[in-house]
Amino acid sequence: MEEILKRNNELLSQVDAWFSRCMETYPEHIACQSGCSACCRSTFDITLMDAYYLKLGFDALPVPVKDAVLAKCRERLALMREHWPELDHPFVLNYRPEEDWEILMPDEDETPCVLLGDDGRCLVYQNRPMTCRLHGIPLVDTEGEVMHDEWCTMNFTEVDPLALSGLTAPFDAILREEVALFRDFTGQMLGRRMSELDTLIPLALLIDFDGFDWKRWAKEEGE
């Protein structure tokens, strides 16, 4: 797992370097800054590997801080179970079709992320998921393919970002590596290489990664 985490850190660092470069290149068009949490609303789905990495950062927080966050997570879980009564540990969503996930992630939901501190900063910023690192700027591959055409409404208010060549990055290669890394992660964690297993941020913090029998669970799910 140590080698997988090292590769994951390298991949996340590559994404962070892209975002920093974009901010340095277009400071007049990108409003993102520390303490701005306008994007940290609603509930996002993340991969099980992101959940594992997120939990590592969360487990290092002081106990009182963790307890306060976990109380929020349990409240969110109770609300989710009103729609999905069978939602239970390890809180993997993929046993239902993706269109059903929208029940748990409604577009109009403006609930702050459970990991936001009182100052608007992420409590586990260094361990935040990939989707958090990519948010706010459109994803345009260096070959020209637009892989995600949405961005924060506070950014690019006077220009079309899709026309800015300085925003591009090798996203096709980045996302391919993310999938390959996830397959290696599940191969080691579950004893079975998989391409997709997802959860939600509030649920990720409730997952028992160390005490749960993942290999048995994966075998039962595959039967």
C-alpha atoms as a PDB file:
ATOM      1  CA  MET A   1       0.000   0.000   0.000  1.00  0.00           C
ATOM      2  CA  GLU A   2       2.934   2.322   0.666  1.00  0.00           C
ATOM      3  CA  GLU A   3       3.930   2.273  -3.011  1.00  0.00           C
ATOM      4  CA  ILE A   4       0.341   2.924  -4.117  1.00  0.00           C
ATOM      5  CA  LEU A   5       0.082   5.903  -1.757  1.00  0.00           C
ATOM      6  CA  LYS A   6       3.372   7.242  -3.103  1.00  0.00           C
ATOM      7  CA  ARG A   7       2.062   7.055  -6.671  1.00  0.00           C
ATOM      8  CA  ASN A   8      -1.187   8.663  -5.570  1.00  0.00           C
ATOM      9  CA  ASN A   9       0.713  11.552  -3.978  1.00  0.00           C
ATOM     10  CA  GLU A  10       2.678  12.046  -7.176  1.00  0.00           C
ATOM     11  CA  LEU A  11      -0.508  12.135  -9.245  1.00  0.00           C
ATOM     12  CA  LEU A  12      -2.212  14.593  -6.902  1.00  0.00           C
ATOM     13  CA  SER A  13       0.908  16.763  -6.899  1.00  0.00           C
ATOM     14  CA  GLN A  14       0.762  16.877 -10.687  1.00  0.00           C
ATOM     15  CA  VAL A  15      -2.823  18.126 -10.533  1.00  0.00           C
ATOM     16  CA  ASP A  16      -1.956  20.672  -7.831  1.00  0.00           C
ATOM     17  CA  ALA A  17       0.932  21.961  -9.951  1.00  0.00           C
ATOM     18  CA  TRP A  18      -1.456  22.454 -12.889  1.00  0.00           C
ATOM     19  CA  PHE A  19      -3.928  24.398 -10.748  1.00  0.00           C
ATOM     20  CA  SER A  20      -1.154  26.585  -9.293  1.00  0.00           C
ATOM     21  CA  ARG A  21       0.197  27.280 -12.784  1.00  0.00           C
ATOM     22  CA  CYS A  22      -3.260  28.318 -13.967  1.00  0.00           C
ATOM     23  CA  MET A  23      -3.610  30.734 -11.065  1.00  0.00           C
ATOM     24  CA  GLU A  24      -0.195  32.220 -11.747  1.00  0.00           C
ATOM     25  CA  THR A  25      -0.919  32.559 -15.463  1.00  0.00           C
ATOM     26  CA  TYR A  26      -4.401  34.055 -15.149  1.00  0.00           C
ATOM     27  CA  PRO A  27      -4.594  35.781 -11.723  1.00  0.00           C
ATOM     28  CA  GLU A  28      -7.093  38.306 -13.075  1.00  0.00           C
ATOM     29  CA  HIS A  29      -9.518  35.570 -14.091  1.00  0.00           C
ATOM     30  CA  ILE A  30      -9.269  33.057 -11.216  1.00  0.00           C
ATOM     31  CA  ALA A  31     -10.725  34.100  -7.855  1.00  0.00           C
ATOM     32  CA  CYS A  32      -9.829  30.902  -5.964  1.00  0.00           C
ATOM     33  CA  GLN A  33      -8.021  31.575  -2.684  1.00  0.00           C
ATOM     34  CA  SER A  34      -7.499  30.073   0.743  1.00  0.00           C
ATOM     35  CA  GLY A  35     -10.637  30.311   2.850  1.00  0.00           C
ATOM     36  CA  CYS A  36     -13.030  30.501  -0.104  1.00  0.00           C
ATOM     37  CA  SER A  37     -15.412  27.590   0.284  1.00  0.00           C
ATOM     38  CA  ALA A  38     -18.071  28.495  -2.283  1.00  0.00           C
ATOM     39  CA  CYS A  39     -17.368  25.238  -4.132  1.00  0.00           C
ATOM     40  CA  CYS A  40     -17.437  23.142  -0.961  1.00  0.00           C
ATOM     41  CA  ARG A  41     -21.189  22.724  -0.894  1.00  0.00           C
ATOM     42  CA  SER A  42     -23.478  19.782  -1.600  1.00  0.00           C
ATOM     43  CA  THR A  43     -22.243  16.173  -1.466  1.00  0.00           C
ATOM     44  CA  PHE A  44     -19.679  14.746  -3.873  1.00  0.00           C
ATOM     45  CA  ASP A  45     -19.002  11.180  -4.874  1.00  0.00           C
ATOM     46  CA  ILE A  46     -15.379  10.093  -4.604  1.00  0.00           C
ATOM     47  CA  THR A  47     -13.507   6.882  -5.326  1.00  0.00           C
ATOM     48  CA  LEU A  48     -12.789   4.379  -2.586  1.00  0.00           C
ATOM     49  CA  MET A  49      -9.095   5.182  -2.980  1.00  0.00           C
ATOM     50  CA  ASP A  50      -9.819   8.885  -2.438  1.00  0.00           C
ATOM     51  CA  ALA A  51     -11.858   7.869   0.607  1.00  0.00           C
ATOM     52  CA  TYR A  52      -8.922   5.859   1.985  1.00  0.00           C
ATOM     53  CA  TYR A  53      -6.510   8.765   1.483  1.00  0.00           C
ATOM     54  CA  LEU A  54      -9.017  11.228   2.941  1.00  0.00           C
ATOM     55  CA  LYS A  55      -9.462   9.048   6.012  1.00  0.00           C
ATOM     56  CA  LEU A  56      -5.698   8.986   6.610  1.00  0.00           C
ATOM     57  CA  GLY A  57      -5.715  12.762   6.937  1.00  0.00           C
ATOM     58  CA  PHE A  58      -8.882  12.749   8.999  1.00  0.00           C
ATOM     59  CA  ASP A  59      -7.563  10.189  11.481  1.00  0.00           C
ATOM     60  CA  ALA A  60      -4.628  12.510  12.243  1.00  0.00           C
ATOM     61  CA  LEU A  61      -6.902  15.332  13.464  1.00  0.00           C
ATOM     62  CA  PRO A  62      -7.419  16.041  17.185  1.00  0.00           C
ATOM     63  CA  VAL A  63     -10.099  13.862  18.779  1.00  0.00           C
ATOM     64  CA  PRO A  64     -12.521  16.738  19.577  1.00  0.00           C
ATOM     65  CA  VAL A  65     -12.382  17.912  15.965  1.00  0.00           C
ATOM     66  CA  LYS A  66     -12.971  14.394  14.661  1.00  0.00           C
ATOM     67  CA  ASP A  67     -15.876  13.841  17.024  1.00  0.00           C
ATOM     68  CA  ALA A  68     -17.605  17.023  15.850  1.00  0.00           C
ATOM     69  CA  VAL A  69     -17.171  16.039  12.184  1.00  0.00           C
ATOM     70  CA  LEU A  70     -18.348  12.471  12.764  1.00  0.00           C
ATOM     71  CA  ALA A  71     -21.511  13.778  14.416  1.00  0.00           C
ATOM     72  CA  LYS A  72     -22.261  15.669  11.191  1.00  0.00           C
ATOM     73  CA  CYS A  73     -21.486  12.550   9.146  1.00  0.00           C
ATOM     74  CA  ARG A  74     -23.949  10.475  11.145  1.00  0.00           C
ATOM     75  CA  GLU A  75     -26.612  13.128  10.683  1.00  0.00           C
ATOM     76  CA  ARG A  76     -26.041  13.043   6.917  1.00  0.00           C
ATOM     77  CA  LEU A  77     -26.164   9.243   6.920  1.00  0.00           C
ATOM     78  CA  ALA A  78     -29.503   9.290   8.751  1.00  0.00           C
ATOM     79  CA  LEU A  79     -30.937  11.643   6.119  1.00  0.00           C
ATOM     80  CA  MET A  80     -29.568   9.482   3.283  1.00  0.00           C
ATOM     81  CA  ARG A  81     -31.129   6.377   4.797  1.00  0.00           C
ATOM     82  CA  GLU A  82     -34.535   8.011   4.485  1.00  0.00           C
ATOM     83  CA  HIS A  83     -34.062   7.492   0.734  1.00  0.00           C
ATOM     84  CA  TRP A  84     -31.762   4.434   0.802  1.00  0.00           C
ATOM     85  CA  PRO A  85     -32.723   2.401   3.922  1.00  0.00           C
ATOM     86  CA  GLU A  86     -30.249  -0.302   2.922  1.00  0.00           C
ATOM     87  CA  LEU A  87     -27.271   2.101   2.830  1.00  0.00           C
ATOM     88  CA  ASP A  88     -24.757   0.511   5.183  1.00  0.00           C
ATOM     89  CA  HIS A  89     -21.040  -0.056   5.768  1.00  0.00           C
ATOM     90  CA  PRO A  90     -18.836   0.028   3.722  1.00  0.00           C
ATOM     91  CA  PHE A  91     -21.122   2.642   2.079  1.00  0.00           C
ATOM     92  CA  VAL A  92     -20.275   1.774  -1.528  1.00  0.00           C
ATOM     93  CA  LEU A  93     -22.770   3.255  -3.999  1.00  0.00           C
ATOM     94  CA  ASN A  94     -22.160   1.115  -7.051  1.00  0.00           C
ATOM     95  CA  TYR A  95     -24.696  -1.578  -6.299  1.00  0.00           C
ATOM     96  CA  ARG A  96     -27.303   0.900  -7.566  1.00  0.00           C
ATOM     97  CA  PRO A  97     -27.331   2.715 -10.941  1.00  0.00           C
ATOM     98  CA  GLU A  98     -25.700   6.153 -11.037  1.00  0.00           C
ATOM     99  CA  GLU A  99     -28.990   7.924 -11.735  1.00  0.00           C
ATOM    100  CA  ASP A 100     -30.118   6.826  -8.265  1.00  0.00           C
ATOM    101  CA  TRP A 101     -27.150   8.617  -6.712  1.00  0.00           C
ATOM    102  CA  GLU A 102     -28.782  11.951  -7.518  1.00  0.00           C
ATOM    103  CA  ILE A 103     -31.216  11.241  -4.678  1.00  0.00           C
ATOM    104  CA  LEU A 104     -28.283  11.557  -2.283  1.00  0.00           C
ATOM    105  CA  MET A 105     -26.626  14.413  -4.195  1.00  0.00           C
ATOM    106  CA  PRO A 106     -29.403  16.802  -5.271  1.00  0.00           C
ATOM    107  CA  ASP A 107     -28.222  19.771  -7.345  1.00  0.00           C
ATOM    108  CA  GLU A 108     -29.990  22.242  -5.079  1.00  0.00           C
ATOM    109  CA  ASP A 109     -28.187  20.998  -1.953  1.00  0.00           C
ATOM    110  CA  GLU A 110     -26.035  23.802  -0.510  1.00  0.00           C
ATOM    111  CA  THR A 111     -25.033  21.996   2.684  1.00  0.00           C
ATOM    112  CA  PRO A 112     -21.390  22.801   3.571  1.00  0.00           C
ATOM    113  CA  CYS A 113     -18.940  19.921   3.392  1.00  0.00           C
ATOM    114  CA  VAL A 114     -18.567  18.210   6.769  1.00  0.00           C
ATOM    115  CA  LEU A 115     -14.812  18.834   6.554  1.00  0.00           C
ATOM    116  CA  LEU A 116     -15.032  22.620   6.420  1.00  0.00           C
ATOM    117  CA  GLY A 117     -13.610  24.357   9.466  1.00  0.00           C
ATOM    118  CA  ASP A 118     -15.096  27.473  11.015  1.00  0.00           C
ATOM    119  CA  ASP A 119     -12.647  29.590   8.998  1.00  0.00           C
ATOM    120  CA  GLY A 120     -13.870  28.155   5.703  1.00  0.00           C
ATOM    121  CA  ARG A 121     -10.746  26.073   5.186  1.00  0.00           C
ATOM    122  CA  CYS A 122     -10.617  22.329   4.638  1.00  0.00           C
ATOM    123  CA  LEU A 123      -9.583  20.415   7.752  1.00  0.00           C
ATOM    124  CA  VAL A 124      -7.751  17.827   5.641  1.00  0.00           C
ATOM    125  CA  TYR A 125      -6.600  19.996   2.744  1.00  0.00           C
ATOM    126  CA  GLN A 126      -3.489  17.942   1.977  1.00  0.00           C
ATOM    127  CA  ASN A 127      -5.604  14.777   1.764  1.00  0.00           C
ATOM    128  CA  ARG A 128      -8.582  16.194  -0.131  1.00  0.00           C
ATOM    129  CA  PRO A 129      -9.959  14.058  -2.995  1.00  0.00           C
ATOM    130  CA  MET A 130      -9.066  14.439  -6.658  1.00  0.00           C
ATOM    131  CA  THR A 131     -12.433  16.020  -7.529  1.00  0.00           C
ATOM    132  CA  CYS A 132     -11.782  18.842  -5.036  1.00  0.00           C
ATOM    133  CA  ARG A 133      -8.410  19.563  -6.653  1.00  0.00           C
ATOM    134  CA  LEU A 134      -9.889  19.695 -10.159  1.00  0.00           C
ATOM    135  CA  HIS A 135     -12.880  21.861  -9.297  1.00  0.00           C
ATOM    136  CA  GLY A 136     -13.185  25.480 -10.425  1.00  0.00           C
ATOM    137  CA  ILE A 137     -11.395  25.352 -13.767  1.00  0.00           C
ATOM    138  CA  PRO A 138     -12.479  23.537 -16.959  1.00  0.00           C
ATOM    139  CA  LEU A 139     -10.445  20.468 -17.855  1.00  0.00           C
ATOM    140  CA  VAL A 140      -8.932  20.795 -21.318  1.00  0.00           C
ATOM    141  CA  ASP A 141      -6.441  18.187 -22.473  1.00  0.00           C
ATOM    142  CA  THR A 142      -3.245  19.307 -24.172  1.00  0.00           C
ATOM    143  CA  GLU A 143      -4.539  17.664 -27.354  1.00  0.00           C
ATOM    144  CA  GLY A 144      -7.570  19.966 -27.300  1.00  0.00           C
ATOM    145  CA  GLU A 145     -10.273  17.666 -25.950  1.00  0.00           C
ATOM    146  CA  VAL A 146     -12.584  19.373 -23.455  1.00  0.00           C
ATOM    147  CA  MET A 147     -13.002  16.790 -20.707  1.00  0.00           C
ATOM    148  CA  HIS A 148     -15.077  18.957 -18.351  1.00  0.00           C
ATOM    149  CA  ASP A 149     -16.639  22.222 -19.499  1.00  0.00           C
ATOM    150  CA  GLU A 150     -17.828  23.673 -16.187  1.00  0.00           C
ATOM    151  CA  TRP A 151     -16.080  26.071 -13.821  1.00  0.00           C
ATOM    152  CA  CYS A 152     -16.689  28.168 -10.715  1.00  0.00           C
ATOM    153  CA  THR A 153     -19.004  31.093 -11.465  1.00  0.00           C
ATOM    154  CA  MET A 154     -16.588  33.436  -9.686  1.00  0.00           C
ATOM    155  CA  ASN A 155     -13.856  32.535 -12.183  1.00  0.00           C
ATOM    156  CA  PHE A 156     -13.551  33.681 -15.798  1.00  0.00           C
ATOM    157  CA  THR A 157     -16.349  36.237 -15.524  1.00  0.00           C
ATOM    158  CA  GLU A 158     -15.047  38.264 -18.485  1.00  0.00           C
ATOM    159  CA  VAL A 159     -13.447  35.621 -20.694  1.00  0.00           C
ATOM    160  CA  ASP A 160     -14.189  32.191 -22.116  1.00  0.00           C
ATOM    161  CA  PRO A 161     -11.714  29.877 -20.344  1.00  0.00           C
ATOM    162  CA  LEU A 162     -12.029  27.284 -23.097  1.00  0.00           C
ATOM    163  CA  ALA A 163     -10.152  29.726 -25.315  1.00  0.00           C
ATOM    164  CA  LEU A 164      -7.212  30.067 -22.896  1.00  0.00           C
ATOM    165  CA  SER A 165      -4.408  27.748 -23.976  1.00  0.00           C
ATOM    166  CA  GLY A 166      -2.579  28.185 -20.666  1.00  0.00           C
ATOM    167  CA  LEU A 167      -5.183  26.097 -18.839  1.00  0.00           C
ATOM    168  CA  THR A 168      -4.462  22.848 -20.646  1.00  0.00           C
ATOM    169  CA  ALA A 169      -2.865  19.788 -19.067  1.00  0.00           C
ATOM    170  CA  PRO A 170      -2.397  16.121 -20.043  1.00  0.00           C
ATOM    171  CA  PHE A 171      -5.727  15.156 -18.464  1.00  0.00           C
ATOM    172  CA  ASP A 172      -6.214  12.080 -20.620  1.00  0.00           C
ATOM    173  CA  ALA A 173      -2.979  10.636 -19.213  1.00  0.00           C
ATOM    174  CA  ILE A 174      -3.798  11.833 -15.682  1.00  0.00           C
ATOM    175  CA  LEU A 175      -7.219  10.201 -15.657  1.00  0.00           C
ATOM    176  CA  ARG A 176      -5.852   6.994 -17.186  1.00  0.00           C
ATOM    177  CA  GLU A 177      -3.256   6.822 -14.435  1.00  0.00           C
ATOM    178  CA  GLU A 178      -5.962   7.426 -11.845  1.00  0.00           C
ATOM    179  CA  VAL A 179      -7.881   4.402 -13.134  1.00  0.00           C
ATOM    180  CA  ALA A 180      -4.735   2.245 -13.248  1.00  0.00           C
ATOM    181  CA  LEU A 181      -3.864   3.308  -9.721  1.00  0.00           C
ATOM    182  CA  PHE A 182      -7.364   2.515  -8.522  1.00  0.00           C
ATOM    183  CA  ARG A 183      -7.183  -0.966 -10.004  1.00  0.00           C
ATOM    184  CA  ASP A 184      -3.904  -1.559  -8.163  1.00  0.00           C
ATOM    185  CA  PHE A 185      -5.443  -0.187  -4.965  1.00  0.00           C
ATOM    186  CA  THR A 186      -8.471  -2.481  -5.137  1.00  0.00           C
ATOM    187  CA  GLY A 187      -6.273  -5.407  -6.086  1.00  0.00           C
ATOM    188  CA  GLN A 188      -4.327  -4.991  -2.860  1.00  0.00           C
ATOM    189  CA  MET A 189      -7.209  -3.941  -0.610  1.00  0.00           C
ATOM    190  CA  LEU A 190      -9.888  -6.298  -1.926  1.00  0.00           C
ATOM    191  CA  GLY A 191      -7.834  -9.002  -3.616  1.00  0.00           C
ATOM    192  CA  ARG A 192      -9.755  -8.164  -6.764  1.00  0.00           C
ATOM    193  CA  ARG A 193      -8.854  -5.468  -9.321  1.00  0.00           C
ATOM    194  CA  MET A 194     -11.801  -3.197 -10.037  1.00  0.00           C
ATOM    195  CA  SER A 195     -12.224  -0.017 -12.077  1.00  0.00           C
ATOM    196  CA  GLU A 196     -14.926   1.682 -10.060  1.00  0.00           C
ATOM    197  CA  LEU A 197     -16.085   1.798  -6.434  1.00  0.00           C
ATOM    198  CA  ASP A 198     -17.486   5.057  -5.118  1.00  0.00           C
ATOM    199  CA  THR A 199     -18.756   6.583  -1.898  1.00  0.00           C
ATOM    200  CA  LEU A 200     -19.626  10.053  -0.575  1.00  0.00           C
ATOM    201  CA  ILE A 201     -17.393  12.285   1.543  1.00  0.00           C
ATOM    202  CA  PRO A 202     -19.540  12.134   4.740  1.00  0.00           C
ATOM    203  CA  LEU A 203     -19.750   8.353   4.396  1.00  0.00           C
ATOM    204  CA  ALA A 204     -16.037   7.964   3.681  1.00  0.00           C
ATOM    205  CA  LEU A 205     -15.204   9.192   7.168  1.00  0.00           C
ATOM    206  CA  LEU A 206     -17.381   6.456   8.675  1.00  0.00           C
ATOM    207  CA  ILE A 207     -15.630   3.621   6.831  1.00  0.00           C
ATOM    208  CA  ASP A 208     -13.524   1.210   8.880  1.00  0.00           C
ATOM    209  CA  PHE A 209     -10.689   0.577   6.468  1.00  0.00           C
ATOM    210  CA  ASP A 210      -8.481  -1.314   8.904  1.00  0.00           C
ATOM    211  CA  GLY A 211     -10.968  -3.531  10.731  1.00  0.00           C
ATOM    212  CA  PHE A 212     -13.261  -4.471   7.850  1.00  0.00           C
ATOM    213  CA  ASP A 213     -12.793  -7.739   5.938  1.00  0.00           C
ATOM    214  CA  TRP A 214     -12.561  -6.218   2.454  1.00  0.00           C
ATOM    215  CA  LYS A 215     -11.515  -9.400   0.681  1.00  0.00           C
ATOM    216  CA  ARG A 216     -14.495 -11.326   2.042  1.00  0.00           C
ATOM    217  CA  TRP A 217     -16.818  -8.465   1.129  1.00  0.00           C
ATOM    218  CA  ALA A 218     -15.447  -8.299  -2.415  1.00  0.00           C
ATOM    219  CA  LYS A 219     -15.852 -12.039  -2.823  1.00  0.00           C
ATOM    220  CA  GLU A 220     -19.469 -11.916  -1.637  1.00  0.00           C
ATOM    221  CA  GLU A 221     -20.225  -8.961  -3.894  1.00  0.00           C
ATOM    222  CA  GLY A 222     -18.769 -10.802  -6.867  1.00  0.00           C
ATOM    223  CA  GLU A 223     -20.894 -13.907  -6.358  1.00  0.00           C
END
